[in-house]
Amino acid sequence: MLVSYDICDIKRLPRVAKLMEGYGVRVQYSVFECSLTQRQLMELQRRLKRLIKPEVDSVRFYPLCESCRDEIVILGQGTVSRDEPYYIA
């Protein structure tokens, strides 16, 4: 699962980032790769809904299947973890 966010308020931004750090690996400033079960995904979404202001903020969830992981291309720094299982959420 790829999760990206755009949070408009500098007070909410660190709270969202801290929450995301508990669920995935930061690959860019506001982008995380997460291996989540369906239950974890629902929990994360519930917790994010309490933090964000949907009228001005945006959080996007992009599912990545295991075969999609093999197609990831990285230019520059970073690696794709091949050891951690991916869950289709």
PDB file of N, CA and C in Angstrom:
ATOM      1  N   MET A   1       0.854  -1.160   0.000  1.00  0.00           N
ATOM      2  CA  MET A   1       0.000   0.000   0.000  1.00  0.00           C
ATOM      3  C   MET A   1       0.899   1.222   0.000  1.00  0.00           C
ATOM      4  N   LEU A   2       0.617   2.142  -0.881  1.00  0.00           N
ATOM      5  CA  LEU A   2       1.314   3.415  -0.923  1.00  0.00           C
ATOM      6  C   LEU A   2       0.353   4.457  -0.376  1.00  0.00           C
ATOM      7  N   VAL A   3       0.790   5.223   0.615  1.00  0.00           N
ATOM      8  CA  VAL A   3      -0.056   6.240   1.224  1.00  0.00           C
ATOM      9  C   VAL A   3       0.649   7.586   1.079  1.00  0.00           C
ATOM     10  N   SER A   4      -0.065   8.553   0.519  1.00  0.00           N
ATOM     11  CA  SER A   4       0.476   9.902   0.393  1.00  0.00           C
ATOM     12  C   SER A   4      -0.487  10.876   1.053  1.00  0.00           C
ATOM     13  N   TYR A   5       0.049  11.979   1.514  1.00  0.00           N
ATOM     14  CA  TYR A   5      -0.816  12.958   2.157  1.00  0.00           C
ATOM     15  C   TYR A   5      -0.349  14.373   1.875  1.00  0.00           C
ATOM     16  N   ASP A   6      -1.312  15.286   1.934  1.00  0.00           N
ATOM     17  CA  ASP A   6      -1.071  16.715   1.812  1.00  0.00           C
ATOM     18  C   ASP A   6      -1.897  17.365   2.921  1.00  0.00           C
ATOM     19  N   ILE A   7      -1.218  17.818   3.944  1.00  0.00           N
ATOM     20  CA  ILE A   7      -1.870  18.383   5.119  1.00  0.00           C
ATOM     21  C   ILE A   7      -1.569  19.882   5.147  1.00  0.00           C
ATOM     22  N   CYS A   8      -2.609  20.685   5.190  1.00  0.00           N
ATOM     23  CA  CYS A   8      -2.460  22.142   5.058  1.00  0.00           C
ATOM     24  C   CYS A   8      -1.998  22.845   6.329  1.00  0.00           C
ATOM     25  N   ASP A   9      -2.285  22.306   7.481  1.00  0.00           N
ATOM     26  CA  ASP A   9      -1.988  22.975   8.742  1.00  0.00           C
ATOM     27  C   ASP A   9      -0.700  22.415   9.340  1.00  0.00           C
ATOM     28  N   ILE A  10       0.231  23.297   9.673  1.00  0.00           N
ATOM     29  CA  ILE A  10       1.525  22.830  10.200  1.00  0.00           C
ATOM     30  C   ILE A  10       1.401  22.216  11.587  1.00  0.00           C
ATOM     31  N   LYS A  11       0.272  22.411  12.266  1.00  0.00           N
ATOM     32  CA  LYS A  11       0.065  21.759  13.554  1.00  0.00           C
ATOM     33  C   LYS A  11      -0.398  20.315  13.380  1.00  0.00           C
ATOM     34  N   ARG A  12      -1.189  20.051  12.337  1.00  0.00           N
ATOM     35  CA  ARG A  12      -1.667  18.684  12.080  1.00  0.00           C
ATOM     36  C   ARG A  12      -0.610  17.848  11.374  1.00  0.00           C
ATOM     37  N   LEU A  13       0.209  18.481  10.570  1.00  0.00           N
ATOM     38  CA  LEU A  13       1.192  17.765   9.747  1.00  0.00           C
ATOM     39  C   LEU A  13       2.094  16.830  10.560  1.00  0.00           C
ATOM     40  N   PRO A  14       2.732  17.277  11.650  1.00  0.00           N
ATOM     41  CA  PRO A  14       3.591  16.341  12.393  1.00  0.00           C
ATOM     42  C   PRO A  14       2.813  15.211  13.062  1.00  0.00           C
ATOM     43  N   ARG A  15       1.566  15.458  13.421  1.00  0.00           N
ATOM     44  CA  ARG A  15       0.764  14.393  14.033  1.00  0.00           C
ATOM     45  C   ARG A  15       0.445  13.305  13.011  1.00  0.00           C
ATOM     46  N   VAL A  16       0.143  13.722  11.781  1.00  0.00           N
ATOM     47  CA  VAL A  16      -0.128  12.748  10.721  1.00  0.00           C
ATOM     48  C   VAL A  16       1.150  11.976  10.399  1.00  0.00           C
ATOM     49  N   ALA A  17       2.268  12.673  10.284  1.00  0.00           N
ATOM     50  CA  ALA A  17       3.548  12.008   9.986  1.00  0.00           C
ATOM     51  C   ALA A  17       3.907  10.994  11.070  1.00  0.00           C
ATOM     52  N   LYS A  18       3.731  11.365  12.324  1.00  0.00           N
ATOM     53  CA  LYS A  18       4.053  10.450  13.431  1.00  0.00           C
ATOM     54  C   LYS A  18       3.161   9.211  13.391  1.00  0.00           C
ATOM     55  N   LEU A  19       1.880   9.401  13.110  1.00  0.00           N
ATOM     56  CA  LEU A  19       0.972   8.263  12.987  1.00  0.00           C
ATOM     57  C   LEU A  19       1.423   7.347  11.853  1.00  0.00           C
ATOM     58  N   MET A  20       1.740   7.919  10.702  1.00  0.00           N
ATOM     59  CA  MET A  20       2.150   7.126   9.542  1.00  0.00           C
ATOM     60  C   MET A  20       3.431   6.351   9.812  1.00  0.00           C
ATOM     61  N   GLU A  21       4.347   6.917  10.590  1.00  0.00           N
ATOM     62  CA  GLU A  21       5.599   6.224  10.902  1.00  0.00           C
ATOM     63  C   GLU A  21       5.347   4.919  11.657  1.00  0.00           C
ATOM     64  N   GLY A  22       4.221   4.811  12.327  1.00  0.00           N
ATOM     65  CA  GLY A  22       3.878   3.584  13.029  1.00  0.00           C
ATOM     66  C   GLY A  22       3.279   2.519  12.125  1.00  0.00           C
ATOM     67  N   TYR A  23       3.003   2.866  10.876  1.00  0.00           N
ATOM     68  CA  TYR A  23       2.351   1.929   9.965  1.00  0.00           C
ATOM     69  C   TYR A  23       3.173   1.608   8.718  1.00  0.00           C
ATOM     70  N   GLY A  24       4.210   2.375   8.462  1.00  0.00           N
ATOM     71  CA  GLY A  24       4.949   2.114   7.232  1.00  0.00           C
ATOM     72  C   GLY A  24       6.322   2.756   7.229  1.00  0.00           C
ATOM     73  N   VAL A  25       6.947   2.705   6.064  1.00  0.00           N
ATOM     74  CA  VAL A  25       8.285   3.245   5.861  1.00  0.00           C
ATOM     75  C   VAL A  25       8.175   4.486   4.992  1.00  0.00           C
ATOM     76  N   ARG A  26       8.734   5.583   5.482  1.00  0.00           N
ATOM     77  CA  ARG A  26       8.718   6.826   4.707  1.00  0.00           C
ATOM     78  C   ARG A  26       9.654   6.674   3.506  1.00  0.00           C
ATOM     79  N   VAL A  27       9.131   6.897   2.310  1.00  0.00           N
ATOM     80  CA  VAL A  27       9.951   6.818   1.104  1.00  0.00           C
ATOM     81  C   VAL A  27      10.163   8.199   0.493  1.00  0.00           C
ATOM     82  N   GLN A  28       9.310   9.135   0.823  1.00  0.00           N
ATOM     83  CA  GLN A  28       9.481  10.545   0.509  1.00  0.00           C
ATOM     84  C   GLN A  28       8.820  11.323   1.627  1.00  0.00           C
ATOM     85  N   TYR A  29       8.954  12.632   1.620  1.00  0.00           N
ATOM     86  CA  TYR A  29       8.502  13.422   2.767  1.00  0.00           C
ATOM     87  C   TYR A  29       7.072  13.096   3.181  1.00  0.00           C
ATOM     88  N   SER A  30       6.140  13.041   2.259  1.00  0.00           N
ATOM     89  CA  SER A  30       4.735  12.772   2.584  1.00  0.00           C
ATOM     90  C   SER A  30       4.222  11.502   1.926  1.00  0.00           C
ATOM     91  N   VAL A  31       5.107  10.528   1.722  1.00  0.00           N
ATOM     92  CA  VAL A  31       4.741   9.271   1.067  1.00  0.00           C
ATOM     93  C   VAL A  31       5.310   8.103   1.879  1.00  0.00           C
ATOM     94  N   PHE A  32       4.442   7.125   2.156  1.00  0.00           N
ATOM     95  CA  PHE A  32       4.838   5.949   2.929  1.00  0.00           C
ATOM     96  C   PHE A  32       4.467   4.680   2.177  1.00  0.00           C
ATOM     97  N   GLU A  33       5.346   3.676   2.244  1.00  0.00           N
ATOM     98  CA  GLU A  33       5.026   2.325   1.795  1.00  0.00           C
ATOM     99  C   GLU A  33       4.623   1.541   3.033  1.00  0.00           C
ATOM    100  N   CYS A  34       3.466   0.906   2.971  1.00  0.00           N
ATOM    101  CA  CYS A  34       2.929   0.198   4.132  1.00  0.00           C
ATOM    102  C   CYS A  34       2.500  -1.208   3.735  1.00  0.00           C
ATOM    103  N   SER A  35       2.872  -2.171   4.544  1.00  0.00           N
ATOM    104  CA  SER A  35       2.362  -3.537   4.403  1.00  0.00           C
ATOM    105  C   SER A  35       1.303  -3.706   5.477  1.00  0.00           C
ATOM    106  N   LEU A  36       0.043  -3.708   5.082  1.00  0.00           N
ATOM    107  CA  LEU A  36      -1.060  -3.682   6.035  1.00  0.00           C
ATOM    108  C   LEU A  36      -2.031  -4.820   5.794  1.00  0.00           C
ATOM    109  N   THR A  37      -2.520  -5.377   6.877  1.00  0.00           N
ATOM    110  CA  THR A  37      -3.659  -6.279   6.771  1.00  0.00           C
ATOM    111  C   THR A  37      -4.901  -5.402   6.593  1.00  0.00           C
ATOM    112  N   GLN A  38      -6.004  -6.014   6.255  1.00  0.00           N
ATOM    113  CA  GLN A  38      -7.248  -5.254   6.111  1.00  0.00           C
ATOM    114  C   GLN A  38      -7.602  -4.553   7.424  1.00  0.00           C
ATOM    115  N   ARG A  39      -7.403  -5.228   8.520  1.00  0.00           N
ATOM    116  CA  ARG A  39      -7.700  -4.653   9.841  1.00  0.00           C
ATOM    117  C   ARG A  39      -6.817  -3.438  10.134  1.00  0.00           C
ATOM    118  N   GLN A  40      -5.512  -3.548   9.829  1.00  0.00           N
ATOM    119  CA  GLN A  40      -4.596  -2.431  10.042  1.00  0.00           C
ATOM    120  C   GLN A  40      -4.963  -1.241   9.161  1.00  0.00           C
ATOM    121  N   LEU A  41      -5.343  -1.529   7.929  1.00  0.00           N
ATOM    122  CA  LEU A  41      -5.742  -0.454   7.016  1.00  0.00           C
ATOM    123  C   LEU A  41      -6.953   0.290   7.568  1.00  0.00           C
ATOM    124  N   MET A  42      -7.943  -0.443   8.025  1.00  0.00           N
ATOM    125  CA  MET A  42      -9.148   0.185   8.574  1.00  0.00           C
ATOM    126  C   MET A  42      -8.808   1.014   9.823  1.00  0.00           C
ATOM    127  N   GLU A  43      -7.934   0.486  10.652  1.00  0.00           N
ATOM    128  CA  GLU A  43      -7.511   1.209  11.860  1.00  0.00           C
ATOM    129  C   GLU A  43      -6.791   2.502  11.488  1.00  0.00           C
ATOM    130  N   LEU A  44      -5.867   2.413  10.538  1.00  0.00           N
ATOM    131  CA  LEU A  44      -5.133   3.600  10.093  1.00  0.00           C
ATOM    132  C   LEU A  44      -6.087   4.648   9.538  1.00  0.00           C
ATOM    133  N   GLN A  45      -7.013   4.238   8.694  1.00  0.00           N
ATOM    134  CA  GLN A  45      -7.957   5.185   8.113  1.00  0.00           C
ATOM    135  C   GLN A  45      -8.822   5.827   9.194  1.00  0.00           C
ATOM    136  N   ARG A  46      -9.252   5.050  10.161  1.00  0.00           N
ATOM    137  CA  ARG A  46     -10.064   5.581  11.265  1.00  0.00           C
ATOM    138  C   ARG A  46      -9.274   6.626  12.054  1.00  0.00           C
ATOM    139  N   ARG A  47      -8.025   6.324  12.341  1.00  0.00           N
ATOM    140  CA  ARG A  47      -7.193   7.248  13.115  1.00  0.00           C
ATOM    141  C   ARG A  47      -6.886   8.519  12.322  1.00  0.00           C
ATOM    142  N   LEU A  48      -6.652   8.363  11.020  1.00  0.00           N
ATOM    143  CA  LEU A  48      -6.391   9.536  10.175  1.00  0.00           C
ATOM    144  C   LEU A  48      -7.619  10.435  10.072  1.00  0.00           C
ATOM    145  N   LYS A  49      -8.795   9.833   9.983  1.00  0.00           N
ATOM    146  CA  LYS A  49     -10.028  10.628   9.886  1.00  0.00           C
ATOM    147  C   LYS A  49     -10.190  11.551  11.082  1.00  0.00           C
ATOM    148  N   ARG A  50      -9.675  11.132  12.236  1.00  0.00           N
ATOM    149  CA  ARG A  50      -9.764  11.960  13.441  1.00  0.00           C
ATOM    150  C   ARG A  50      -8.748  13.095  13.441  1.00  0.00           C
ATOM    151  N   LEU A  51      -7.688  12.959  12.648  1.00  0.00           N
ATOM    152  CA  LEU A  51      -6.624  13.967  12.629  1.00  0.00           C
ATOM    153  C   LEU A  51      -6.797  15.016  11.538  1.00  0.00           C
ATOM    154  N   ILE A  52      -7.300  14.614  10.394  1.00  0.00           N
ATOM    155  CA  ILE A  52      -7.306  15.524   9.243  1.00  0.00           C
ATOM    156  C   ILE A  52      -8.587  16.356   9.188  1.00  0.00           C
ATOM    157  N   LYS A  53      -8.523  17.382   8.381  1.00  0.00           N
ATOM    158  CA  LYS A  53      -9.693  18.201   8.036  1.00  0.00           C
ATOM    159  C   LYS A  53      -9.981  17.921   6.562  1.00  0.00           C
ATOM    160  N   PRO A  54     -10.996  17.085   6.274  1.00  0.00           N
ATOM    161  CA  PRO A  54     -11.229  16.644   4.896  1.00  0.00           C
ATOM    162  C   PRO A  54     -11.546  17.768   3.913  1.00  0.00           C
ATOM    163  N   GLU A  55     -11.970  18.907   4.413  1.00  0.00           N
ATOM    164  CA  GLU A  55     -12.268  20.009   3.499  1.00  0.00           C
ATOM    165  C   GLU A  55     -11.016  20.694   2.954  1.00  0.00           C
ATOM    166  N   VAL A  56      -9.857  20.475   3.605  1.00  0.00           N
ATOM    167  CA  VAL A  56      -8.614  21.107   3.130  1.00  0.00           C
ATOM    168  C   VAL A  56      -7.446  20.134   2.995  1.00  0.00           C
ATOM    169  N   ASP A  57      -7.494  18.985   3.669  1.00  0.00           N
ATOM    170  CA  ASP A  57      -6.405  18.008   3.635  1.00  0.00           C
ATOM    171  C   ASP A  57      -6.740  16.868   2.678  1.00  0.00           C
ATOM    172  N   SER A  58      -5.715  16.109   2.316  1.00  0.00           N
ATOM    173  CA  SER A  58      -5.916  14.957   1.435  1.00  0.00           C
ATOM    174  C   SER A  58      -4.993  13.821   1.861  1.00  0.00           C
ATOM    175  N   VAL A  59      -5.551  12.626   1.988  1.00  0.00           N
ATOM    176  CA  VAL A  59      -4.764  11.409   2.214  1.00  0.00           C
ATOM    177  C   VAL A  59      -5.221  10.412   1.161  1.00  0.00           C
ATOM    178  N   ARG A  60      -4.273   9.838   0.430  1.00  0.00           N
ATOM    179  CA  ARG A  60      -4.588   8.900  -0.646  1.00  0.00           C
ATOM    180  C   ARG A  60      -3.939   7.554  -0.373  1.00  0.00           C
ATOM    181  N   PHE A  61      -4.700   6.497  -0.656  1.00  0.00           N
ATOM    182  CA  PHE A  61      -4.245   5.120  -0.458  1.00  0.00           C
ATOM    183  C   PHE A  61      -4.209   4.432  -1.821  1.00  0.00           C
ATOM    184  N   TYR A  62      -3.035   3.960  -2.215  1.00  0.00           N
ATOM    185  CA  TYR A  62      -2.876   3.265  -3.490  1.00  0.00           C
ATOM    186  C   TYR A  62      -2.479   1.817  -3.208  1.00  0.00           C
ATOM    187  N   PRO A  63      -3.362   0.864  -3.455  1.00  0.00           N
ATOM    188  CA  PRO A  63      -2.999  -0.536  -3.215  1.00  0.00           C
ATOM    189  C   PRO A  63      -1.912  -0.992  -4.192  1.00  0.00           C
ATOM    190  N   LEU A  64      -0.985  -1.774  -3.695  1.00  0.00           N
ATOM    191  CA  LEU A  64       0.069  -2.365  -4.517  1.00  0.00           C
ATOM    192  C   LEU A  64       0.055  -3.871  -4.291  1.00  0.00           C
ATOM    193  N   CYS A  65      -0.181  -4.610  -5.337  1.00  0.00           N
ATOM    194  CA  CYS A  65      -0.151  -6.063  -5.209  1.00  0.00           C
ATOM    195  C   CYS A  65       1.305  -6.542  -5.210  1.00  0.00           C
ATOM    196  N   GLU A  66       1.507  -7.790  -4.847  1.00  0.00           N
ATOM    197  CA  GLU A  66       2.871  -8.314  -4.761  1.00  0.00           C
ATOM    198  C   GLU A  66       3.582  -8.255  -6.111  1.00  0.00           C
ATOM    199  N   SER A  67       2.872  -8.560  -7.192  1.00  0.00           N
ATOM    200  CA  SER A  67       3.527  -8.504  -8.510  1.00  0.00           C
ATOM    201  C   SER A  67       3.829  -7.061  -8.910  1.00  0.00           C
ATOM    202  N   CYS A  68       3.035  -6.100  -8.415  1.00  0.00           N
ATOM    203  CA  CYS A  68       3.309  -4.684  -8.690  1.00  0.00           C
ATOM    204  C   CYS A  68       4.622  -4.261  -8.040  1.00  0.00           C
ATOM    205  N   ARG A  69       4.906  -4.819  -6.878  1.00  0.00           N
ATOM    206  CA  ARG A  69       6.136  -4.473  -6.169  1.00  0.00           C
ATOM    207  C   ARG A  69       7.353  -4.789  -7.024  1.00  0.00           C
ATOM    208  N   ASP A  70       7.274  -5.874  -7.789  1.00  0.00           N
ATOM    209  CA  ASP A  70       8.402  -6.251  -8.645  1.00  0.00           C
ATOM    210  C   ASP A  70       8.611  -5.273  -9.796  1.00  0.00           C
ATOM    211  N   GLU A  71       7.618  -4.457 -10.086  1.00  0.00           N
ATOM    212  CA  GLU A  71       7.693  -3.499 -11.187  1.00  0.00           C
ATOM    213  C   GLU A  71       8.124  -2.107 -10.743  1.00  0.00           C
ATOM    214  N   ILE A  72       8.347  -1.901  -9.451  1.00  0.00           N
ATOM    215  CA  ILE A  72       8.735  -0.583  -8.951  1.00  0.00           C
ATOM    216  C   ILE A  72      10.129  -0.243  -9.469  1.00  0.00           C
ATOM    217  N   VAL A  73      10.259   0.952  -9.996  1.00  0.00           N
ATOM    218  CA  VAL A  73      11.541   1.462 -10.480  1.00  0.00           C
ATOM    219  C   VAL A  73      11.921   2.641  -9.599  1.00  0.00           C
ATOM    220  N   ILE A  74      13.137   2.638  -9.084  1.00  0.00           N
ATOM    221  CA  ILE A  74      13.627   3.727  -8.253  1.00  0.00           C
ATOM    222  C   ILE A  74      14.822   4.355  -8.958  1.00  0.00           C
ATOM    223  N   LEU A  75      14.747   5.643  -9.173  1.00  0.00           N
ATOM    224  CA  LEU A  75      15.871   6.400  -9.708  1.00  0.00           C
ATOM    225  C   LEU A  75      16.446   7.200  -8.545  1.00  0.00           C
ATOM    226  N   GLY A  76      17.699   6.990  -8.229  1.00  0.00           N
ATOM    227  CA  GLY A  76      18.287   7.674  -7.086  1.00  0.00           C
ATOM    228  C   GLY A  76      18.269   6.792  -5.854  1.00  0.00           C
ATOM    229  N   GLN A  77      18.164   7.410  -4.702  1.00  0.00           N
ATOM    230  CA  GLN A  77      18.267   6.705  -3.430  1.00  0.00           C
ATOM    231  C   GLN A  77      17.031   5.877  -3.142  1.00  0.00           C
ATOM    232  N   GLY A  78      17.219   4.815  -2.376  1.00  0.00           N
ATOM    233  CA  GLY A  78      16.108   4.001  -1.917  1.00  0.00           C
ATOM    234  C   GLY A  78      16.150   2.598  -2.470  1.00  0.00           C
ATOM    235  N   THR A  79      15.479   1.714  -1.762  1.00  0.00           N
ATOM    236  CA  THR A  79      15.367   0.327  -2.189  1.00  0.00           C
ATOM    237  C   THR A  79      13.943  -0.145  -1.923  1.00  0.00           C
ATOM    238  N   VAL A  80      13.562  -1.217  -2.580  1.00  0.00           N
ATOM    239  CA  VAL A  80      12.270  -1.846  -2.351  1.00  0.00           C
ATOM    240  C   VAL A  80      12.517  -3.093  -1.525  1.00  0.00           C
ATOM    241  N   SER A  81      11.816  -3.202  -0.403  1.00  0.00           N
ATOM    242  CA  SER A  81      11.968  -4.380   0.448  1.00  0.00           C
ATOM    243  C   SER A  81      11.309  -5.568  -0.230  1.00  0.00           C
ATOM    244  N   ARG A  82      12.069  -6.585  -0.531  1.00  0.00           N
ATOM    245  CA  ARG A  82      11.532  -7.804  -1.149  1.00  0.00           C
ATOM    246  C   ARG A  82      11.228  -8.856  -0.085  1.00  0.00           C
ATOM    247  N   ASP A  83      11.706  -8.616   1.154  1.00  0.00           N
ATOM    248  CA  ASP A  83      11.534  -9.595   2.228  1.00  0.00           C
ATOM    249  C   ASP A  83      10.186  -9.478   2.921  1.00  0.00           C
ATOM    250  N   GLU A  84       9.660  -8.286   3.018  1.00  0.00           N
ATOM    251  CA  GLU A  84       8.429  -8.045   3.760  1.00  0.00           C
ATOM    252  C   GLU A  84       7.218  -8.413   2.898  1.00  0.00           C
ATOM    253  N   PRO A  85       6.290  -9.192   3.418  1.00  0.00           N
ATOM    254  CA  PRO A  85       5.117  -9.563   2.612  1.00  0.00           C
ATOM    255  C   PRO A  85       4.227  -8.362   2.334  1.00  0.00           C
ATOM    256  N   TYR A  86       3.614  -8.365   1.177  1.00  0.00           N
ATOM    257  CA  TYR A  86       2.653  -7.334   0.822  1.00  0.00           C
ATOM    258  C   TYR A  86       1.268  -7.907   0.939  1.00  0.00           C
ATOM    259  N   TYR A  87       0.375  -7.129   1.450  1.00  0.00           N
ATOM    260  CA  TYR A  87      -1.019  -7.544   1.569  1.00  0.00           C
ATOM    261  C   TYR A  87      -1.856  -6.703   0.652  1.00  0.00           C
ATOM    262  N   ILE A  88      -2.757  -7.338  -0.040  1.00  0.00           N
ATOM    263  CA  ILE A  88      -3.696  -6.597  -0.870  1.00  0.00           C
ATOM    264  C   ILE A  88      -4.834  -6.161   0.025  1.00  0.00           C
ATOM    265  N   ALA A  89      -4.987  -4.882   0.164  1.00  0.00           N
ATOM    266  CA  ALA A  89      -6.016  -4.361   1.063  1.00  0.00           C
ATOM    267  C   ALA A  89      -7.186  -3.830   0.262  1.00  0.00           C
TER     268      ALA A  89
END
